[in-house]
Amino acid sequence: MAEGGELTNAPYRHAVKIRYGEVDLQGVVFNAHYLAYCDDASDSWLRERLGRFEDLGWEPMVVKAVIEWQGAAAMGDVLDIDLEVSRWGRTSFDIAFTGRVAERQVFTATITYVGVTPGDHTPIEPSAAIRAALA
């Protein structure tokens, strides 16, 4: 949030310190962990912006994930992940992720989510308030 409580449209940044158990025999983060990092980053961001979104009668479900690697992160590195909504559909939206260690880009990802009703997972359009909070 910016000064005065208004939302900014700067990307949200989520930091992950790479732990020993997340590194493979090549000495770099095992590839599957990047999706977990993105999931944690998006959940933290959504909850910061929306609070307990399930109480709004809406929650996101992943329907597609695309990751491209430009480098690697290793044990002890701090991976900064910037994220923001890059596309809105009727019930779906894309979040664009960029991961960096210092100024070195490590990965980019686009994850498509569909908004659903909690419990029965019926696709639902996000309210104007949800769209505005994530814009």
Protein backbone atom coordinates (compact mmCIF):
# COMPACT_ATOMS: atom_id res chain seq x y z
CA MET A 1 0.00 0.00 0.00
CA ALA A 2 1.13 3.50 -0.68
CA GLU A 3 1.17 6.33 1.82
CA GLY A 4 -2.37 7.16 2.91
CA GLY A 5 -3.60 3.55 2.46
CA GLU A 6 -4.22 3.61 -1.30
CA LEU A 7 -3.05 0.67 -3.40
CA THR A 8 -0.13 1.07 -5.75
CA ASN A 9 0.16 -0.66 -9.10
CA ALA A 10 3.79 -1.65 -8.58
CA PRO A 11 4.42 -5.40 -8.76
CA TYR A 12 4.25 -7.25 -5.46
CA ARG A 13 7.61 -8.65 -4.30
CA HIS A 14 7.93 -11.92 -2.38
CA ALA A 15 11.33 -13.08 -1.09
CA VAL A 16 12.32 -16.73 -0.68
CA LYS A 17 15.56 -17.78 1.02
CA ILE A 18 16.70 -20.99 -0.66
CA ARG A 19 17.15 -23.83 1.84
CA TYR A 20 19.40 -26.90 1.73
CA GLY A 21 16.51 -29.32 1.08
CA GLU A 22 15.39 -27.40 -2.02
CA VAL A 23 18.67 -27.86 -3.90
CA ASP A 24 19.38 -30.90 -6.11
CA LEU A 25 22.64 -32.73 -6.89
CA GLN A 26 23.50 -30.08 -9.49
CA GLY A 27 23.67 -27.54 -6.66
CA VAL A 28 20.66 -25.52 -7.85
CA VAL A 29 17.00 -25.32 -6.87
CA PHE A 30 15.11 -28.41 -8.06
CA ASN A 31 12.76 -27.22 -10.81
CA ALA A 32 9.48 -28.31 -9.16
CA HIS A 33 10.11 -25.95 -6.24
CA TYR A 34 9.59 -22.91 -8.48
CA LEU A 35 5.86 -23.65 -8.78
CA ALA A 36 5.63 -23.94 -4.99
CA TYR A 37 7.44 -20.60 -4.66
CA CYS A 38 4.99 -19.01 -7.12
CA ASP A 39 2.03 -20.52 -5.28
CA ASP A 40 3.26 -19.15 -1.95
CA ALA A 41 3.95 -15.73 -3.50
CA SER A 42 0.51 -15.48 -5.13
CA ASP A 43 -1.31 -16.64 -1.98
CA SER A 44 0.60 -14.10 0.14
CA TRP A 45 -0.17 -11.31 -2.34
CA LEU A 46 -3.85 -12.21 -2.72
CA ARG A 47 -4.32 -12.35 1.05
CA GLU A 48 -2.50 -9.03 1.52
CA ARG A 49 -4.78 -7.39 -1.04
CA LEU A 50 -8.06 -9.22 -0.33
CA GLY A 51 -7.81 -10.63 3.17
CA ARG A 52 -9.48 -14.01 3.54
CA PHE A 53 -10.76 -14.19 -0.04
CA GLU A 54 -12.81 -17.32 0.67
CA ASP A 55 -15.07 -15.09 2.78
CA LEU A 56 -15.77 -13.11 -0.40
CA GLY A 57 -17.27 -16.25 -2.00
CA TRP A 58 -14.34 -16.50 -4.42
CA GLU A 59 -11.02 -18.32 -4.60
CA PRO A 60 -8.46 -18.96 -7.36
CA MET A 61 -7.57 -22.38 -8.79
CA VAL A 62 -4.60 -23.04 -11.08
CA VAL A 63 -5.51 -24.25 -14.56
CA LYS A 64 -2.21 -23.71 -16.40
CA ALA A 65 1.41 -22.94 -15.55
CA VAL A 66 4.27 -22.06 -17.92
CA ILE A 67 7.80 -21.55 -16.58
CA GLU A 68 10.93 -20.50 -18.44
CA TRP A 69 14.36 -20.56 -16.81
CA GLN A 70 17.05 -18.01 -17.55
CA GLY A 71 19.41 -19.00 -14.73
CA ALA A 72 19.58 -20.82 -11.42
CA ALA A 73 19.24 -20.15 -7.72
CA ALA A 74 21.40 -21.98 -5.18
CA MET A 75 21.36 -22.68 -1.45
CA GLY A 76 21.51 -19.48 0.58
CA ASP A 77 20.39 -17.24 -2.30
CA VAL A 78 17.45 -14.92 -1.79
CA LEU A 79 15.06 -15.29 -4.70
CA ASP A 80 12.92 -12.17 -5.17
CA ILE A 81 9.70 -12.91 -7.02
CA ASP A 82 7.76 -9.98 -8.52
CA LEU A 83 4.19 -10.68 -9.56
CA GLU A 84 1.16 -8.92 -10.97
CA VAL A 85 -1.98 -9.68 -12.93
CA SER A 86 -1.08 -9.59 -16.62
CA ARG A 87 -4.47 -10.59 -18.12
CA TRP A 88 -8.11 -10.65 -17.06
CA GLY A 89 -10.70 -12.90 -18.66
CA ARG A 90 -14.32 -13.35 -17.63
CA THR A 91 -13.60 -15.89 -14.88
CA SER A 92 -9.86 -16.41 -15.37
CA PHE A 93 -6.76 -14.29 -14.98
CA ASP A 94 -3.02 -14.65 -15.51
CA ILE A 95 -0.37 -13.72 -13.00
CA ALA A 96 3.08 -12.95 -14.41
CA PHE A 97 6.02 -13.88 -12.17
CA THR A 98 9.66 -12.81 -12.51
CA GLY A 99 12.25 -14.36 -10.19
CA ARG A 100 15.66 -12.78 -9.61
CA VAL A 101 18.69 -13.33 -7.41
CA ALA A 102 20.04 -9.80 -6.93
CA GLU A 103 19.85 -8.33 -10.45
CA ARG A 104 20.25 -11.71 -12.22
CA GLN A 105 17.01 -13.05 -13.71
CA VAL A 106 16.38 -16.70 -12.81
CA PHE A 107 12.92 -17.46 -14.19
CA THR A 108 9.70 -16.09 -15.61
CA ALA A 109 6.33 -17.77 -15.28
CA THR A 110 2.75 -17.17 -16.24
CA ILE A 111 0.11 -18.98 -14.23
CA THR A 112 -3.52 -18.97 -15.29
CA TYR A 113 -6.09 -19.13 -12.52
CA VAL A 114 -9.84 -19.46 -12.69
CA GLY A 115 -11.94 -17.89 -9.97
CA VAL A 116 -14.28 -20.40 -8.36
CA THR A 117 -16.78 -20.57 -5.55
CA PRO A 118 -15.28 -22.17 -2.43
CA GLY A 119 -16.32 -25.76 -1.88
CA ASP A 120 -17.93 -26.71 -5.19
CA HIS A 121 -15.36 -25.00 -7.46
CA THR A 122 -17.90 -23.54 -9.88
CA PRO A 123 -16.26 -20.89 -12.10
CA ILE A 124 -17.35 -17.40 -11.07
CA GLU A 125 -16.54 -13.89 -12.24
CA PRO A 126 -14.51 -11.85 -9.75
CA SER A 127 -16.30 -8.87 -8.28
CA ALA A 128 -15.33 -5.35 -9.30
CA ALA A 129 -13.72 -4.98 -5.85
CA ILE A 130 -11.50 -8.04 -6.43
CA ARG A 131 -10.43 -6.77 -9.86
CA ALA A 132 -9.69 -3.33 -8.46
CA ALA A 133 -7.65 -4.73 -5.55
CA LEU A 134 -5.52 -6.79 -7.93
CA ALA A 135 -5.16 -4.16 -10.67
